[in-house]
Amino acid sequence: AHSFTLLHDTERDAFRAQVDSMGTGTTLLVDTFDVEEAVRVGIDVAGGPLGAVRIDSGDLGLLASQVRRQLDDLGATGTRIIVTGDLDEFAIAGLAAAPVDGYGVGTCLVTGSGHPTCGFVYKLVARAESTDPDAPMVTVAKRSADKVSVGGRKWALRHRNAHGVAETEILGLGEQPTGDGDDRELLMPLVKGGEVVGRESLNAARNRHREAIAELPVESRKLSRGEPAIQTTYPSAGG
């Protein structure tokens, strides 16, 4: 839903498109930029009762209380508040006193609470300026107070020492620098022009995974939490 908002020129445009398509009973995600402003715009766009608003980041209990007061002040007393964001049974219990009407639970419901998971989140970083296939790309980013993202196309390298052990991961914006023989690119194209280009066999994927694990330093095998086994550096854009 954040990506849907970022695909539009303004949050109002995104809300209007969603309401026109789904009706006023839809749920609008209000924490892409500024929660208070998004709630105001969402109710205005709905022009009447709005089904629900969703909060996905920040202090969910505090934000839910603030949003409930705002909705009531705007006359939207029937608009529900839905919260999401890596929720488990403990987080939900902690929100029992908050004016929350519904919870969106994903990872912990699918995997079972207490089991290790690898979190993946899709972040839209750029979009075409128009529907023209040759249109330039426009940088977009989420700007909510608790989950600011960095827009723009990025490159990522893993630097390995002379023994093939990973030492640093380098993440940057702009043109990717030419790495030395010990650098490995971490980003690979999967789809180009609507065609899948990153397909590989299970054996190839298994071997690639083994090789990637073999690069990791001994520290990465610790069971206890601590500092990252591989440090990440962020050079300035273009360099």
Protein backbone atom coordinates (compact mmCIF):
# COMPACT_ATOMS: atom_id res chain seq x y z
CA ALA A 1 0.00 0.00 0.00
CA HIS A 2 2.92 2.38 0.58
CA SER A 3 4.05 1.65 -2.96
CA PHE A 4 0.55 2.39 -4.25
CA THR A 5 0.69 5.80 -2.59
CA LEU A 6 4.18 6.51 -3.91
CA LEU A 7 3.10 5.66 -7.46
CA HIS A 8 0.86 8.73 -7.43
CA ASP A 9 1.88 12.36 -7.57
CA THR A 10 0.20 13.10 -4.23
CA GLU A 11 -1.28 11.16 -1.35
CA ARG A 12 -4.65 12.70 -2.18
CA ASP A 13 -4.44 11.30 -5.71
CA ALA A 14 -3.67 7.85 -4.31
CA PHE A 15 -6.56 7.97 -1.85
CA ARG A 16 -8.91 9.20 -4.56
CA ALA A 17 -7.93 6.34 -6.87
CA GLN A 18 -8.42 3.79 -4.10
CA VAL A 19 -11.80 5.15 -3.01
CA ASP A 20 -13.00 5.37 -6.61
CA SER A 21 -12.01 1.74 -7.15
CA MET A 22 -12.89 0.16 -3.80
CA GLY A 23 -15.57 2.44 -2.43
CA THR A 24 -15.63 4.39 0.82
CA GLY A 25 -15.62 1.18 2.85
CA THR A 26 -11.96 0.67 1.98
CA THR A 27 -9.01 0.93 4.38
CA LEU A 28 -6.53 3.74 3.72
CA LEU A 29 -2.91 3.42 4.83
CA VAL A 30 -2.10 6.72 6.53
CA ASP A 31 1.55 6.55 7.60
CA THR A 32 3.42 6.92 4.31
CA PHE A 33 4.17 10.57 5.03
CA ASP A 34 2.38 12.41 7.86
CA VAL A 35 -0.30 10.52 9.76
CA GLU A 36 -2.37 13.50 10.88
CA GLU A 37 -2.48 15.05 7.42
CA ALA A 38 -3.24 11.70 5.79
CA VAL A 39 -6.21 11.10 8.08
CA ARG A 40 -7.58 14.54 7.27
CA VAL A 41 -7.13 14.02 3.53
CA GLY A 42 -8.59 10.52 3.66
CA ILE A 43 -11.79 11.63 5.35
CA ASP A 44 -12.06 14.57 2.96
CA VAL A 45 -11.62 12.33 -0.09
CA ALA A 46 -14.19 9.83 1.18
CA GLY A 47 -16.69 12.66 1.53
CA GLY A 48 -18.50 10.69 4.19
CA PRO A 49 -18.02 7.53 6.24
CA LEU A 50 -14.66 5.86 5.58
CA GLY A 51 -14.27 2.18 6.35
CA ALA A 52 -10.93 2.26 8.14
CA VAL A 53 -7.46 3.73 8.36
CA ARG A 54 -4.34 1.63 8.83
CA ILE A 55 -1.19 2.46 10.81
CA ASP A 56 1.90 0.40 10.04
CA SER A 57 4.75 2.02 11.98
CA GLY A 58 5.70 4.05 15.02
CA ASP A 59 4.24 3.84 18.51
CA LEU A 60 1.03 2.09 17.50
CA GLY A 61 -0.74 2.62 20.82
CA LEU A 62 0.01 6.33 20.93
CA LEU A 63 -0.79 6.87 17.27
CA ALA A 64 -4.04 4.93 17.53
CA SER A 65 -5.19 7.18 20.38
CA GLN A 66 -4.25 10.32 18.46
CA VAL A 67 -5.95 9.10 15.30
CA ARG A 68 -9.10 8.09 17.20
CA ARG A 69 -9.41 11.58 18.64
CA GLN A 70 -8.83 13.13 15.23
CA LEU A 71 -11.37 10.89 13.53
CA ASP A 72 -13.98 11.67 16.17
CA ASP A 73 -13.30 15.40 15.84
CA LEU A 74 -13.79 15.07 12.08
CA GLY A 75 -17.12 13.34 12.63
CA ALA A 76 -15.80 9.97 11.44
CA THR A 77 -16.82 8.13 14.60
CA GLY A 78 -17.53 4.94 12.68
CA THR A 79 -14.17 4.77 10.93
CA ARG A 80 -12.17 1.84 12.29
CA ILE A 81 -8.44 1.79 13.13
CA ILE A 82 -6.35 -1.14 11.92
CA VAL A 83 -2.72 -1.62 12.96
CA THR A 84 -0.02 -3.75 11.36
CA GLY A 85 3.75 -4.11 11.53
CA ASP A 86 5.47 -7.31 12.74
CA LEU A 87 2.74 -7.96 15.28
CA ASP A 88 2.68 -11.03 17.50
CA GLU A 89 0.50 -12.08 20.44
CA PHE A 90 2.62 -10.05 22.86
CA ALA A 91 2.41 -6.85 20.82
CA ILE A 92 -1.34 -7.31 20.46
CA ALA A 93 -1.73 -7.85 24.20
CA GLY A 94 0.22 -4.65 24.79
CA LEU A 95 -2.28 -2.76 22.62
CA ALA A 96 -5.33 -4.03 24.51
CA ALA A 97 -6.03 -0.62 26.04
CA ALA A 98 -5.56 1.28 22.77
CA PRO A 99 -8.53 2.18 20.54
CA VAL A 100 -7.60 -0.42 17.93
CA ASP A 101 -10.37 -2.19 16.03
CA GLY A 102 -8.36 -4.75 14.11
CA TYR A 103 -4.90 -6.24 13.71
CA GLY A 104 -3.08 -7.34 10.59
CA VAL A 105 -0.74 -10.21 11.45
CA GLY A 106 1.51 -11.72 8.79
CA THR A 107 4.93 -13.14 9.61
CA CYS A 108 4.16 -14.51 13.07
CA LEU A 109 0.90 -16.05 11.91
CA VAL A 110 2.52 -17.85 8.98
CA THR A 111 5.69 -19.00 10.73
CA GLY A 112 4.51 -19.42 14.30
CA SER A 113 5.67 -17.10 17.05
CA GLY A 114 9.10 -17.84 18.47
CA HIS A 115 10.59 -19.21 15.28
CA PRO A 116 13.32 -17.24 13.49
CA THR A 117 12.21 -15.38 10.39
CA CYS A 118 13.86 -13.36 7.67
CA GLY A 119 11.94 -10.16 7.11
CA PHE A 120 11.50 -8.87 3.57
CA VAL A 121 9.75 -5.60 2.77
CA TYR A 122 9.13 -4.23 -0.72
CA LYS A 123 10.20 -0.60 -1.00
CA LEU A 124 9.39 1.39 -4.13
CA VAL A 125 12.33 3.75 -4.75
CA ALA A 126 11.51 5.24 -8.17
CA ARG A 127 8.71 5.42 -10.71
CA ALA A 128 8.32 6.63 -14.27
CA GLU A 129 7.33 10.27 -14.68
CA SER A 130 4.59 9.25 -17.13
CA THR A 131 3.27 6.25 -19.06
CA ASP A 132 5.76 6.94 -21.85
CA PRO A 133 8.17 3.95 -22.01
CA ASP A 134 11.06 6.42 -22.33
CA ALA A 135 9.93 8.68 -19.50
CA PRO A 136 12.58 9.58 -16.91
CA MET A 137 12.44 8.03 -13.47
CA VAL A 138 11.32 10.03 -10.44
CA THR A 139 12.79 9.24 -7.01
CA VAL A 140 10.19 8.41 -4.34
CA ALA A 141 10.54 7.56 -0.65
CA LYS A 142 8.48 6.97 2.46
CA ARG A 143 8.82 9.89 4.89
CA SER A 144 6.88 8.89 8.00
CA ALA A 145 8.65 9.78 11.25
CA ASP A 146 9.51 6.22 12.26
CA LYS A 147 10.20 4.55 8.91
CA VAL A 148 11.98 6.97 6.63
CA SER A 149 13.29 5.26 3.49
CA VAL A 150 15.90 6.44 1.00
CA GLY A 151 14.65 6.83 -2.55
CA GLY A 152 16.56 6.28 -5.75
CA ARG A 153 18.14 3.33 -7.49
CA LYS A 154 20.87 1.73 -5.41
CA TRP A 155 23.85 -0.54 -5.89
CA ALA A 156 25.31 -2.99 -3.39
CA LEU A 157 28.67 -4.74 -3.20
CA ARG A 158 30.14 -7.23 -0.76
CA HIS A 159 33.86 -6.73 -0.25
CA ARG A 160 35.86 -9.86 0.56
CA ASN A 161 39.43 -10.13 1.81
CA ALA A 162 42.19 -12.07 0.10
CA HIS A 163 40.91 -15.26 1.73
CA GLY A 164 37.41 -14.81 0.33
CA VAL A 165 35.85 -13.84 3.67
CA ALA A 166 33.28 -11.04 3.60
CA GLU A 167 34.44 -7.91 5.42
CA THR A 168 32.14 -5.08 4.37
CA GLU A 169 28.94 -4.51 2.45
CA ILE A 170 28.81 -1.24 0.53
CA LEU A 171 25.47 0.35 -0.35
CA GLY A 172 25.21 3.50 -2.43
CA LEU A 173 23.16 5.66 -4.77
CA GLY A 174 23.98 6.69 -8.31
CA GLU A 175 26.50 5.09 -10.60
CA GLN A 176 28.06 1.92 -9.25
CA PRO A 177 31.84 2.16 -8.92
CA THR A 178 34.09 -0.41 -10.49
CA GLY A 179 34.93 -2.93 -7.79
CA ASP A 180 38.09 -4.94 -7.53
CA GLY A 181 38.34 -8.69 -7.91
CA ASP A 182 37.34 -9.21 -4.29
CA ASP A 183 34.00 -7.40 -4.64
CA ARG A 184 30.80 -9.29 -5.41
CA GLU A 185 27.64 -7.60 -6.68
CA LEU A 186 24.67 -8.30 -4.42
CA LEU A 187 21.88 -7.07 -6.69
CA MET A 188 20.97 -9.09 -9.76
CA PRO A 189 18.16 -8.45 -12.27
CA LEU A 190 15.21 -10.81 -12.00
CA VAL A 191 12.77 -9.20 -14.44
CA LYS A 192 13.46 -6.92 -17.42
CA GLY A 193 10.79 -5.53 -19.72
CA GLY A 194 8.25 -7.84 -18.16
CA GLU A 195 10.37 -10.91 -18.89
CA VAL A 196 11.92 -13.15 -16.21
CA VAL A 197 15.71 -13.08 -16.64
CA GLY A 198 16.86 -14.33 -13.24
CA ARG A 199 15.57 -17.87 -13.44
CA GLU A 200 17.92 -20.59 -12.23
CA SER A 201 17.69 -24.27 -11.37
CA LEU A 202 17.31 -25.52 -7.81
CA ASN A 203 20.82 -26.96 -7.92
CA ALA A 204 22.26 -23.62 -9.05
CA ALA A 205 20.36 -21.79 -6.30
CA ARG A 206 21.56 -24.33 -3.73
CA ASN A 207 25.19 -23.95 -4.80
CA ARG A 208 24.96 -20.16 -4.82
CA HIS A 209 23.52 -20.24 -1.32
CA ARG A 210 26.33 -22.49 -0.09
CA GLU A 211 28.95 -20.19 -1.58
CA ALA A 212 27.35 -17.12 0.01
CA ILE A 213 27.31 -18.77 3.44
CA ALA A 214 30.93 -19.85 3.04
CA GLU A 215 31.91 -16.17 2.62
CA LEU A 216 30.60 -15.22 6.04
CA PRO A 217 33.07 -14.65 8.89
CA VAL A 218 33.13 -16.95 11.91
CA GLU A 219 31.32 -14.28 13.98
CA SER A 220 28.19 -14.77 11.88
CA ARG A 221 27.66 -18.20 13.41
CA LYS A 222 27.11 -16.91 16.94
CA LEU A 223 23.71 -17.76 18.38
CA SER A 224 23.51 -14.66 20.57
CA ARG A 225 22.43 -11.28 19.25
CA GLY A 226 25.08 -8.61 18.87
CA GLU A 227 26.78 -6.33 16.40
CA PRO A 228 26.41 -7.17 12.70
CA ALA A 229 28.98 -9.73 11.55
CA ILE A 230 29.52 -7.64 8.42
CA GLN A 231 29.55 -3.85 8.64
CA THR A 232 27.68 -1.80 6.05
CA THR A 233 29.10 1.44 4.67
CA TYR A 234 27.24 4.15 2.78
CA PRO A 235 29.39 6.23 0.44
CA SER A 236 27.97 9.46 -0.95
CA ALA A 237 25.74 9.27 -4.02
CA GLY A 238 27.65 8.89 -7.21
CA GLY A 239 30.75 7.56 -5.51
